[in-house]
Amino acid sequence: ISDSDEGDVRSHYTDSVKGRFTIARDDAKNTVYLQMNNLKPEDTAV
């Protein structure tokens, strides 16, 4: 996910997670989240 300083935030996903994962940022909390739904065994990783 891009910076938010200019207001227009862009995000990208690898094909294998499109439609299942969502990235979002909350700058007030200084935090970026990765919501992962419909997880599969092949998502296992650090």
All heavy atoms as atom14 arrays in JSON, in Angstrom:
{
  "sequence": "ISDSDEGDVRSHYTDSVKGRFTIARDDAKNTVYLQMNNLKPEDTAV",
  "atom14_mask": [
    [1, 1, 1, 1, 1, 1, 1, 1, 0, 0, 0, 0, 0, 0],
    [1, 1, 1, 1, 1, 1, 0, 0, 0, 0, 0, 0, 0, 0],
    [1, 1, 1, 1, 1, 1, 1, 1, 0, 0, 0, 0, 0, 0],
    [1, 1, 1, 1, 1, 1, 0, 0, 0, 0, 0, 0, 0, 0],
    [1, 1, 1, 1, 1, 1, 1, 1, 0, 0, 0, 0, 0, 0],
    [1, 1, 1, 1, 1, 1, 1, 1, 1, 0, 0, 0, 0, 0],
    [1, 1, 1, 1, 0, 0, 0, 0, 0, 0, 0, 0, 0, 0],
    [1, 1, 1, 1, 1, 1, 1, 1, 0, 0, 0, 0, 0, 0],
    [1, 1, 1, 1, 1, 1, 1, 0, 0, 0, 0, 0, 0, 0],
    [1, 1, 1, 1, 1, 1, 1, 1, 1, 1, 1, 0, 0, 0],
    [1, 1, 1, 1, 1, 1, 0, 0, 0, 0, 0, 0, 0, 0],
    [1, 1, 1, 1, 1, 1, 1, 1, 1, 1, 0, 0, 0, 0],
    [1, 1, 1, 1, 1, 1, 1, 1, 1, 1, 1, 1, 0, 0],
    [1, 1, 1, 1, 1, 1, 1, 0, 0, 0, 0, 0, 0, 0],
    [1, 1, 1, 1, 1, 1, 1, 1, 0, 0, 0, 0, 0, 0],
    [1, 1, 1, 1, 1, 1, 0, 0, 0, 0, 0, 0, 0, 0],
    [1, 1, 1, 1, 1, 1, 1, 0, 0, 0, 0, 0, 0, 0],
    [1, 1, 1, 1, 1, 1, 1, 1, 1, 0, 0, 0, 0, 0],
    [1, 1, 1, 1, 0, 0, 0, 0, 0, 0, 0, 0, 0, 0],
    [1, 1, 1, 1, 1, 1, 1, 1, 1, 1, 1, 0, 0, 0],
    [1, 1, 1, 1, 1, 1, 1, 1, 1, 1, 1, 0, 0, 0],
    [1, 1, 1, 1, 1, 1, 1, 0, 0, 0, 0, 0, 0, 0],
    [1, 1, 1, 1, 1, 1, 1, 1, 0, 0, 0, 0, 0, 0],
    [1, 1, 1, 1, 1, 0, 0, 0, 0, 0, 0, 0, 0, 0],
    [1, 1, 1, 1, 1, 1, 1, 1, 1, 1, 1, 0, 0, 0],
    [1, 1, 1, 1, 1, 1, 1, 1, 0, 0, 0, 0, 0, 0],
    [1, 1, 1, 1, 1, 1, 1, 1, 0, 0, 0, 0, 0, 0],
    [1, 1, 1, 1, 1, 0, 0, 0, 0, 0, 0, 0, 0, 0],
    [1, 1, 1, 1, 1, 1, 1, 1, 1, 0, 0, 0, 0, 0],
    [1, 1, 1, 1, 1, 1, 1, 1, 0, 0, 0, 0, 0, 0],
    [1, 1, 1, 1, 1, 1, 1, 0, 0, 0, 0, 0, 0, 0],
    [1, 1, 1, 1, 1, 1, 1, 0, 0, 0, 0, 0, 0, 0],
    [1, 1, 1, 1, 1, 1, 1, 1, 1, 1, 1, 1, 0, 0],
    [1, 1, 1, 1, 1, 1, 1, 1, 0, 0, 0, 0, 0, 0],
    [1, 1, 1, 1, 1, 1, 1, 1, 1, 0, 0, 0, 0, 0],
    [1, 1, 1, 1, 1, 1, 1, 1, 0, 0, 0, 0, 0, 0],
    [1, 1, 1, 1, 1, 1, 1, 1, 0, 0, 0, 0, 0, 0],
    [1, 1, 1, 1, 1, 1, 1, 1, 0, 0, 0, 0, 0, 0],
    [1, 1, 1, 1, 1, 1, 1, 1, 0, 0, 0, 0, 0, 0],
    [1, 1, 1, 1, 1, 1, 1, 1, 1, 0, 0, 0, 0, 0],
    [1, 1, 1, 1, 1, 1, 1, 0, 0, 0, 0, 0, 0, 0],
    [1, 1, 1, 1, 1, 1, 1, 1, 1, 0, 0, 0, 0, 0],
    [1, 1, 1, 1, 1, 1, 1, 1, 0, 0, 0, 0, 0, 0],
    [1, 1, 1, 1, 1, 1, 1, 0, 0, 0, 0, 0, 0, 0],
    [1, 1, 1, 1, 1, 0, 0, 0, 0, 0, 0, 0, 0, 0],
    [1, 1, 1, 1, 1, 1, 1, 0, 0, 0, 0, 0, 0, 0]
  ],
  "atom14_positions": [
    [[0.85, -1.18, 0.0], [0.0, 0.0, 0.0], [0.89, 1.23, 0.0], [1.9, 1.29, 0.7], [-0.96, -0.02, 1.2], [-2.01, 1.09, 1.1], [-0.21, 0.07, 2.53], [-3.19, 0.89, 2.05], [0.0, 0.0, 0.0], [0.0, 0.0, 0.0], [0.0, 0.0, 0.0], [0.0, 0.0, 0.0], [0.0, 0.0, 0.0], [0.0, 0.0, 0.0]],
    [[0.52, 2.21, -0.8], [1.35, 3.41, -0.92], [1.19, 4.3, 0.3], [0.34, 4.08, 1.17], [0.95, 4.17, -2.18], [-0.37, 4.66, -2.07], [0.0, 0.0, 0.0], [0.0, 0.0, 0.0], [0.0, 0.0, 0.0], [0.0, 0.0, 0.0], [0.0, 0.0, 0.0], [0.0, 0.0, 0.0], [0.0, 0.0, 0.0], [0.0, 0.0, 0.0]],
    [[2.04, 5.33, 0.38], [1.9, 6.32, 1.42], [0.56, 7.05, 1.25], [-0.08, 6.97, 0.2], [3.05, 7.33, 1.34], [2.99, 8.11, 0.04], [3.3, 7.52, -1.02], [2.59, 9.29, 0.07], [0.0, 0.0, 0.0], [0.0, 0.0, 0.0], [0.0, 0.0, 0.0], [0.0, 0.0, 0.0], [0.0, 0.0, 0.0], [0.0, 0.0, 0.0]],
    [[0.16, 7.78, 2.3], [-1.12, 8.49, 2.24], [-0.94, 10.01, 2.31], [-1.92, 10.73, 2.46], [-2.02, 8.03, 3.39], [-1.38, 8.27, 4.63], [0.0, 0.0, 0.0], [0.0, 0.0, 0.0], [0.0, 0.0, 0.0], [0.0, 0.0, 0.0], [0.0, 0.0, 0.0], [0.0, 0.0, 0.0], [0.0, 0.0, 0.0], [0.0, 0.0, 0.0]],
    [[0.3, 10.46, 2.16], [0.57, 11.89, 2.33], [-0.16, 12.73, 1.29], [-0.61, 13.84, 1.59], [2.07, 12.14, 2.23], [2.42, 13.6, 2.53], [1.79, 14.17, 3.46], [3.29, 14.16, 1.86], [0.0, 0.0, 0.0], [0.0, 0.0, 0.0], [0.0, 0.0, 0.0], [0.0, 0.0, 0.0], [0.0, 0.0, 0.0], [0.0, 0.0, 0.0]],
    [[-0.29, 12.21, 0.05], [-0.96, 12.97, -1.01], [-2.43, 12.66, -1.07], [-3.14, 13.2, -1.93], [-0.29, 12.66, -2.35], [1.17, 13.09, -2.42], [1.34, 14.59, -2.28], [0.52, 15.34, -2.84], [2.28, 15.01, -1.59], [0.0, 0.0, 0.0], [0.0, 0.0, 0.0], [0.0, 0.0, 0.0], [0.0, 0.0, 0.0], [0.0, 0.0, 0.0]],
    [[-2.92, 11.75, -0.23], [-4.35, 11.46, -0.16], [-4.82, 10.34, -1.05], [-5.84, 9.73, -0.77], [0.0, 0.0, 0.0], [0.0, 0.0, 0.0], [0.0, 0.0, 0.0], [0.0, 0.0, 0.0], [0.0, 0.0, 0.0], [0.0, 0.0, 0.0], [0.0, 0.0, 0.0], [0.0, 0.0, 0.0], [0.0, 0.0, 0.0], [0.0, 0.0, 0.0]],
    [[-4.13, 10.03, -2.15], [-4.56, 8.99, -3.08], [-3.77, 7.74, -2.78], [-2.63, 7.58, -3.19], [-4.32, 9.45, -4.52], [-4.84, 8.44, -5.53], [-5.66, 7.59, -5.13], [-4.44, 8.5, -6.7], [0.0, 0.0, 0.0], [0.0, 0.0, 0.0], [0.0, 0.0, 0.0], [0.0, 0.0, 0.0], [0.0, 0.0, 0.0], [0.0, 0.0, 0.0]],
    [[-4.38, 6.82, -2.05], [-3.69, 5.62, -1.62], [-3.9, 4.5, -2.64], [-5.03, 4.26, -3.06], [-4.19, 5.17, -0.23], [-3.53, 3.86, 0.18], [-3.92, 6.26, 0.8], [0.0, 0.0, 0.0], [0.0, 0.0, 0.0], [0.0, 0.0, 0.0], [0.0, 0.0, 0.0], [0.0, 0.0, 0.0], [0.0, 0.0, 0.0], [0.0, 0.0, 0.0]],
    [[-2.82, 3.84, -3.01], [-2.89, 2.74, -3.98], [-2.44, 1.46, -3.31], [-1.55, 1.47, -2.47], [-2.01, 3.05, -5.18], [-2.38, 4.33, -5.9], [-1.39, 4.7, -6.97], [-1.73, 5.96, -7.6], [-0.98, 6.57, -8.52], [0.16, 6.01, -8.9], [-1.35, 7.72, -9.04], [0.0, 0.0, 0.0], [0.0, 0.0, 0.0], [0.0, 0.0, 0.0]],
    [[-3.03, 0.36, -3.73], [-2.65, -0.93, -3.19], [-2.51, -1.95, -4.31], [-3.11, -1.79, -5.38], [-3.66, -1.4, -2.14], [-4.94, -1.51, -2.7], [0.0, 0.0, 0.0], [0.0, 0.0, 0.0], [0.0, 0.0, 0.0], [0.0, 0.0, 0.0], [0.0, 0.0, 0.0], [0.0, 0.0, 0.0], [0.0, 0.0, 0.0], [0.0, 0.0, 0.0]],
    [[-1.73, -2.97, -4.04], [-1.51, -4.04, -5.01], [-1.52, -5.38, -4.29], [-1.17, -5.46, -3.11], [-0.18, -3.84, -5.73], [-0.08, -2.56, -6.48], [-0.65, -2.37, -7.72], [0.5, -1.37, -6.15], [-0.4, -1.14, -8.12], [0.28, -0.51, -7.19], [0.0, 0.0, 0.0], [0.0, 0.0, 0.0], [0.0, 0.0, 0.0], [0.0, 0.0, 0.0]],
    [[-1.89, -6.43, -5.03], [-1.95, -7.77, -4.48], [-1.35, -8.75, -5.46], [-1.53, -8.61, -6.68], [-3.4, -8.18, -4.2], [-4.13, -7.28, -3.24], [-4.83, -6.17, -3.69], [-4.11, -7.54, -1.87], [-5.49, -5.34, -2.81], [-4.77, -6.72, -0.98], [-5.46, -5.61, -1.45], [-6.12, -4.79, -0.57], [0.0, 0.0, 0.0], [0.0, 0.0, 0.0]],
    [[-0.69, -9.76, -4.93], [-0.27, -10.84, -5.8], [-1.51, -11.65, -6.2], [-2.51, -11.68, -5.48], [0.77, -11.73, -5.09], [1.39, -12.58, -6.05], [0.14, -12.56, -3.99], [0.0, 0.0, 0.0], [0.0, 0.0, 0.0], [0.0, 0.0, 0.0], [0.0, 0.0, 0.0], [0.0, 0.0, 0.0], [0.0, 0.0, 0.0], [0.0, 0.0, 0.0]],
    [[-1.45, -12.27, -7.36], [-2.65, -12.92, -7.9], [-3.24, -13.96, -6.97], [-4.47, -14.12, -6.9], [-2.31, -13.56, -9.25], [-2.15, -12.55, -10.37], [-2.54, -11.38, -10.18], [-1.62, -12.92, -11.43], [0.0, 0.0, 0.0], [0.0, 0.0, 0.0], [0.0, 0.0, 0.0], [0.0, 0.0, 0.0], [0.0, 0.0, 0.0], [0.0, 0.0, 0.0]],
    [[-2.4, -14.68, -6.25], [-2.89, -15.79, -5.44], [-3.72, -15.34, -4.24], [-4.41, -16.17, -3.63], [-1.72, -16.65, -4.97], [-0.86, -15.91, -4.13], [0.0, 0.0, 0.0], [0.0, 0.0, 0.0], [0.0, 0.0, 0.0], [0.0, 0.0, 0.0], [0.0, 0.0, 0.0], [0.0, 0.0, 0.0], [0.0, 0.0, 0.0], [0.0, 0.0, 0.0]],
    [[-3.68, -14.06, -3.9], [-4.45, -13.59, -2.73], [-5.55, -12.6, -3.11], [-6.32, -12.18, -2.25], [-3.53, -12.96, -1.67], [-2.39, -13.9, -1.3], [-3.0, -11.61, -2.09], [0.0, 0.0, 0.0], [0.0, 0.0, 0.0], [0.0, 0.0, 0.0], [0.0, 0.0, 0.0], [0.0, 0.0, 0.0], [0.0, 0.0, 0.0], [0.0, 0.0, 0.0]],
    [[-5.62, -12.24, -4.38], [-6.66, -11.28, -4.81], [-8.04, -11.83, -4.49], [-8.35, -12.99, -4.75], [-6.53, -11.0, -6.31], [-5.38, -10.08, -6.66], [-5.32, -9.83, -8.16], [-4.15, -8.91, -8.5], [-4.01, -8.71, -9.97], [0.0, 0.0, 0.0], [0.0, 0.0, 0.0], [0.0, 0.0, 0.0], [0.0, 0.0, 0.0], [0.0, 0.0, 0.0]],
    [[-8.86, -10.97, -3.91], [-10.21, -11.37, -3.55], [-10.3, -12.02, -2.18], [-11.41, -12.23, -1.67], [0.0, 0.0, 0.0], [0.0, 0.0, 0.0], [0.0, 0.0, 0.0], [0.0, 0.0, 0.0], [0.0, 0.0, 0.0], [0.0, 0.0, 0.0], [0.0, 0.0, 0.0], [0.0, 0.0, 0.0], [0.0, 0.0, 0.0], [0.0, 0.0, 0.0]],
    [[-9.17, -12.34, -1.59], [-9.16, -12.96, -0.26], [-8.49, -12.07, 0.78], [-8.9, -12.05, 1.94], [-8.41, -14.31, -0.31], [-9.01, -15.31, -1.25], [-8.38, -16.7, -1.07], [-6.95, -16.7, -1.39], [-6.0, -17.09, -0.54], [-6.32, -17.48, 0.68], [-4.73, -17.09, -0.92], [0.0, 0.0, 0.0], [0.0, 0.0, 0.0], [0.0, 0.0, 0.0]],
    [[-7.47, -11.35, 0.38], [-6.73, -10.49, 1.31], [-7.04, -9.02, 1.02], [-7.24, -8.63, -0.14], [-5.22, -10.69, 1.15], [-4.68, -12.02, 1.62], [-5.53, -13.07, 1.94], [-3.32, -12.22, 1.74], [-5.03, -14.29, 2.38], [-2.8, -13.43, 2.17], [-3.67, -14.47, 2.49], [0.0, 0.0, 0.0], [0.0, 0.0, 0.0], [0.0, 0.0, 0.0]],
    [[-7.04, -8.22, 2.07], [-7.24, -6.78, 1.93], [-6.23, -6.05, 2.8], [-6.1, -6.34, 4.0], [-8.65, -6.37, 2.36], [-9.62, -7.09, 1.59], [-8.87, -4.87, 2.16], [0.0, 0.0, 0.0], [0.0, 0.0, 0.0], [0.0, 0.0, 0.0], [0.0, 0.0, 0.0], [0.0, 0.0, 0.0], [0.0, 0.0, 0.0], [0.0, 0.0, 0.0]],
    [[-5.53, -5.11, 2.19], [-4.58, -4.29, 2.93], [-5.22, -2.93, 3.19], [-5.96, -2.39, 2.35], [-3.25, -4.14, 2.15], [-2.16, -3.56, 3.04], [-3.43, -3.33, 0.87], [-0.76, -3.63, 2.41], [0.0, 0.0, 0.0], [0.0, 0.0, 0.0], [0.0, 0.0, 0.0], [0.0, 0.0, 0.0], [0.0, 0.0, 0.0], [0.0, 0.0, 0.0]],
    [[-4.96, -2.4, 4.38], [-5.54, -1.11, 4.74], [-4.6, -0.42, 5.73], [-3.86, -1.09, 6.45], [-6.92, -1.29, 5.36], [0.0, 0.0, 0.0], [0.0, 0.0, 0.0], [0.0, 0.0, 0.0], [0.0, 0.0, 0.0], [0.0, 0.0, 0.0], [0.0, 0.0, 0.0], [0.0, 0.0, 0.0], [0.0, 0.0, 0.0], [0.0, 0.0, 0.0]],
    [[-4.66, 0.89, 5.73], [-3.82, 1.62, 6.67], [-4.66, 2.53, 7.55], [-5.66, 3.1, 7.08], [-2.75, 2.42, 5.93], [-3.22, 3.46, 4.95], [-2.05, 4.03, 4.13], [-1.02, 4.55, 5.02], [0.3, 4.43, 4.78], [0.72, 3.85, 3.68], [1.17, 4.93, 5.62], [0.0, 0.0, 0.0], [0.0, 0.0, 0.0], [0.0, 0.0, 0.0]],
    [[-4.25, 2.67, 8.81], [-4.87, 3.59, 9.75], [-3.75, 4.46, 10.28], [-3.06, 4.08, 11.24], [-5.57, 2.81, 10.87], [-6.33, 3.71, 11.82], [-6.06, 4.93, 11.84], [-7.18, 3.2, 12.55], [0.0, 0.0, 0.0], [0.0, 0.0, 0.0], [0.0, 0.0, 0.0], [0.0, 0.0, 0.0], [0.0, 0.0, 0.0], [0.0, 0.0, 0.0]],
    [[-3.56, 5.59, 9.65], [-2.42, 6.44, 10.02], [-2.57, 7.04, 11.41], [-1.59, 7.35, 12.07], [-2.22, 7.53, 8.98], [-1.76, 6.97, 7.64], [-1.03, 5.96, 7.63], [-2.14, 7.54, 6.59], [0.0, 0.0, 0.0], [0.0, 0.0, 0.0], [0.0, 0.0, 0.0], [0.0, 0.0, 0.0], [0.0, 0.0, 0.0], [0.0, 0.0, 0.0]],
    [[-3.8, 7.19, 11.86], [-4.01, 7.7, 13.22], [-3.44, 6.73, 14.24], [-3.0, 7.14, 15.32], [-5.49, 7.93, 13.46], [0.0, 0.0, 0.0], [0.0, 0.0, 0.0], [0.0, 0.0, 0.0], [0.0, 0.0, 0.0], [0.0, 0.0, 0.0], [0.0, 0.0, 0.0], [0.0, 0.0, 0.0], [0.0, 0.0, 0.0], [0.0, 0.0, 0.0]],
    [[-3.46, 5.45, 13.91], [-2.91, 4.43, 14.8], [-1.52, 3.98, 14.37], [-0.95, 3.07, 14.96], [-3.84, 3.22, 14.85], [-5.19, 3.53, 15.46], [-6.06, 2.26, 15.54], [-7.4, 2.58, 16.19], [-8.26, 1.37, 16.28], [0.0, 0.0, 0.0], [0.0, 0.0, 0.0], [0.0, 0.0, 0.0], [0.0, 0.0, 0.0], [0.0, 0.0, 0.0]],
    [[-0.99, 4.61, 13.3], [0.34, 4.25, 12.78], [0.43, 2.75, 12.49], [1.45, 2.1, 12.77], [1.44, 4.66, 13.77], [2.35, 5.74, 13.19], [1.97, 6.48, 12.29], [3.55, 5.83, 13.72], [0.0, 0.0, 0.0], [0.0, 0.0, 0.0], [0.0, 0.0, 0.0], [0.0, 0.0, 0.0], [0.0, 0.0, 0.0], [0.0, 0.0, 0.0]],
    [[-0.63, 2.22, 11.89], [-0.72, 0.77, 11.69], [-1.24, 0.46, 10.3], [-2.13, 1.16, 9.79], [-1.65, 0.14, 12.74], [-1.14, 0.42, 14.05], [-1.73, -1.37, 12.56], [0.0, 0.0, 0.0], [0.0, 0.0, 0.0], [0.0, 0.0, 0.0], [0.0, 0.0, 0.0], [0.0, 0.0, 0.0], [0.0, 0.0, 0.0], [0.0, 0.0, 0.0]],
    [[-0.69, -0.59, 9.71], [-1.2, -1.16, 8.46], [-1.68, -2.57, 8.76], [-1.02, -3.32, 9.48], [-0.13, -1.16, 7.37], [-0.59, -1.96, 6.16], [0.21, 0.27, 6.96], [0.0, 0.0, 0.0], [0.0, 0.0, 0.0], [0.0, 0.0, 0.0], [0.0, 0.0, 0.0], [0.0, 0.0, 0.0], [0.0, 0.0, 0.0], [0.0, 0.0, 0.0]],
    [[-2.83, -2.9, 8.21], [-3.45, -4.2, 8.45], [-3.46, -5.03, 7.18], [-3.55, -4.5, 6.07], [-4.88, -4.02, 8.93], [-5.01, -3.21, 10.18], [-5.35, -1.86, 10.13], [-4.77, -3.77, 11.44], [-5.47, -1.1, 11.28], [-4.89, -3.01, 12.59], [-5.23, -1.68, 12.5], [-5.35, -0.92, 13.65], [0.0, 0.0, 0.0], [0.0, 0.0, 0.0]],
    [[-3.41, -6.34, 7.37], [-3.63, -7.28, 6.26], [-4.72, -8.23, 6.72], [-4.47, -9.11, 7.56], [-2.35, -8.03, 5.91], [-2.47, -8.95, 4.68], [-2.66, -8.1, 3.41], [-1.25, -9.84, 4.54], [0.0, 0.0, 0.0], [0.0, 0.0, 0.0], [0.0, 0.0, 0.0], [0.0, 0.0, 0.0], [0.0, 0.0, 0.0], [0.0, 0.0, 0.0]],
    [[-5.92, -8.02, 6.21], [-7.04, -8.9, 6.51], [-6.98, -10.09, 5.56], [-7.0, -9.91, 4.34], [-8.37, -8.16, 6.35], [-9.59, -9.03, 6.59], [-9.73, -9.49, 8.02], [-9.54, -8.7, 8.94], [-10.04, -10.76, 8.22], [0.0, 0.0, 0.0], [0.0, 0.0, 0.0], [0.0, 0.0, 0.0], [0.0, 0.0, 0.0], [0.0, 0.0, 0.0]],
    [[-6.92, -11.27, 6.1], [-6.77, -12.48, 5.3], [-7.98, -13.38, 5.53], [-8.19, -13.86, 6.65], [-5.48, -13.22, 5.68], [-4.23, -12.34, 5.62], [-2.7, -13.25, 5.88], [-2.93, -13.84, 7.55], [0.0, 0.0, 0.0], [0.0, 0.0, 0.0], [0.0, 0.0, 0.0], [0.0, 0.0, 0.0], [0.0, 0.0, 0.0], [0.0, 0.0, 0.0]],
    [[-8.76, -13.56, 4.5], [-9.96, -14.4, 4.56], [-9.79, -15.62, 3.68], [-8.94, -15.65, 2.78], [-11.18, -13.6, 4.1], [-11.46, -12.41, 4.99], [-11.2, -12.41, 6.19], [-12.02, -11.36, 4.39], [0.0, 0.0, 0.0], [0.0, 0.0, 0.0], [0.0, 0.0, 0.0], [0.0, 0.0, 0.0], [0.0, 0.0, 0.0], [0.0, 0.0, 0.0]],
    [[-10.63, -16.62, 3.93], [-10.6, -17.85, 3.14], [-9.17, -18.38, 3.01], [-8.7, -18.69, 1.91], [-11.21, -17.62, 1.75], [-11.44, -18.9, 1.0], [-11.52, -19.98, 1.58], [-11.53, -18.8, -0.32], [0.0, 0.0, 0.0], [0.0, 0.0, 0.0], [0.0, 0.0, 0.0], [0.0, 0.0, 0.0], [0.0, 0.0, 0.0], [0.0, 0.0, 0.0]],
    [[-8.52, -18.5, 4.14], [-7.12, -18.93, 4.13], [-6.98, -20.36, 3.65], [-7.86, -21.21, 3.89], [-6.53, -18.77, 5.53], [-6.15, -17.32, 5.89], [-6.03, -17.14, 7.39], [-4.87, -16.93, 5.19], [0.0, 0.0, 0.0], [0.0, 0.0, 0.0], [0.0, 0.0, 0.0], [0.0, 0.0, 0.0], [0.0, 0.0, 0.0], [0.0, 0.0, 0.0]],
    [[-5.88, -20.61, 2.97], [-5.59, -21.92, 2.41], [-4.27, -22.44, 2.98], [-3.42, -21.65, 3.41], [-5.47, -21.8, 0.88], [-6.69, -21.22, 0.21], [-6.46, -21.04, -1.28], [-7.69, -20.45, -1.95], [-7.5, -20.31, -3.42], [0.0, 0.0, 0.0], [0.0, 0.0, 0.0], [0.0, 0.0, 0.0], [0.0, 0.0, 0.0], [0.0, 0.0, 0.0]],
    [[-4.06, -23.74, 2.96], [-2.79, -24.28, 3.49], [-1.57, -23.66, 2.81], [-0.53, -23.47, 3.48], [-2.91, -25.76, 3.18], [-4.38, -26.04, 3.23], [-5.02, -24.82, 2.64], [0.0, 0.0, 0.0], [0.0, 0.0, 0.0], [0.0, 0.0, 0.0], [0.0, 0.0, 0.0], [0.0, 0.0, 0.0], [0.0, 0.0, 0.0], [0.0, 0.0, 0.0]],
    [[-1.69, -23.31, 1.56], [-0.54, -22.71, 0.87], [-0.25, -21.28, 1.31], [0.76, -20.7, 0.89], [-0.74, -22.74, -0.66], [-2.06, -22.18, -1.13], [-3.13, -23.27, -1.35], [-3.2, -24.19, -0.5], [-3.85, -23.17, -2.36], [0.0, 0.0, 0.0], [0.0, 0.0, 0.0], [0.0, 0.0, 0.0], [0.0, 0.0, 0.0], [0.0, 0.0, 0.0]],
    [[-1.09, -20.72, 2.16], [-0.81, -19.4, 2.74], [0.1, -19.51, 3.95], [0.54, -18.48, 4.5], [-2.11, -18.7, 3.16], [-3.0, -18.36, 1.98], [-2.47, -17.88, 0.96], [-4.23, -18.57, 2.09], [0.0, 0.0, 0.0], [0.0, 0.0, 0.0], [0.0, 0.0, 0.0], [0.0, 0.0, 0.0], [0.0, 0.0, 0.0], [0.0, 0.0, 0.0]],
    [[0.39, -20.73, 4.38], [1.26, -20.92, 5.54], [2.65, -20.38, 5.27], [3.28, -20.73, 4.27], [1.34, -22.42, 5.88], [0.05, -22.88, 6.29], [2.35, -22.66, 7.0], [0.0, 0.0, 0.0], [0.0, 0.0, 0.0], [0.0, 0.0, 0.0], [0.0, 0.0, 0.0], [0.0, 0.0, 0.0], [0.0, 0.0, 0.0], [0.0, 0.0, 0.0]],
    [[3.1, -19.5, 6.14], [4.41, -18.85, 5.97], [4.65, -17.91, 7.15], [3.73, -17.65, 7.94], [4.46, -18.05, 4.68], [0.0, 0.0, 0.0], [0.0, 0.0, 0.0], [0.0, 0.0, 0.0], [0.0, 0.0, 0.0], [0.0, 0.0, 0.0], [0.0, 0.0, 0.0], [0.0, 0.0, 0.0], [0.0, 0.0, 0.0], [0.0, 0.0, 0.0]],
    [[5.86, -17.41, 7.22], [6.14, -16.27, 8.1], [5.86, -15.01, 7.29], [6.35, -14.87, 6.17], [7.59, -16.28, 8.59], [7.86, -15.04, 9.46], [7.88, -17.56, 9.38], [0.0, 0.0, 0.0], [0.0, 0.0, 0.0], [0.0, 0.0, 0.0], [0.0, 0.0, 0.0], [0.0, 0.0, 0.0], [0.0, 0.0, 0.0], [0.0, 0.0, 0.0]]
  ]
}
